[in-house]
Amino acid sequence: MHSKSGPESLRLTRPLLRCTDQRVIGCSVLFCLLAVGITFVQQGGLRGRLVEIERANLSRITFQLDVNKAAWPELTQLPHVGETLARRIVRYRDRHGHFSDFDGLEQVEGIGPKTMAQIRPFLLPLATTERVVGSVP
């Protein structure tokens, strides 16, 4: 057997893609580039109005949760409340019943006035027996 060397040996017997396939792929790429260009212009790219992540305003997400119903994973979302403290809150609630006021939270080991001040904005108002519909005084 005789093997050829040189450029003739590198020549393929048939092209990888047919001519029509090459045209379809070329048109698809051209269409995508055109769509990206149009979007860039519509979003204000030519006027320098694109949003730069480094200079974008931070959004503050606010939430509130019910300390009498929240499970410990939910409580860990409160500022300065880790897993250990969240589990203590749930354990205290299970042993002593629902919190009737926010001062009761300070009875939990690890929650003092400073921590309470930080988490208070994230807590829903506690339901009192007067405000609960259908409750018996």
Foldseek 3Di string as FASTA:
>chain_A
DDDDDDPVNVDDPDDPDDPVVVVVVVVVVVVVVVVVVVVCVVCPVVVVNHDDPVPDDDDDDAAAEALLPDQLVVVCVAPPAHSVQSVQSVVCCVVPNGDQALVVSCVRPPDDPVSSVRRVRRYDGDDHQVRDPPHDD
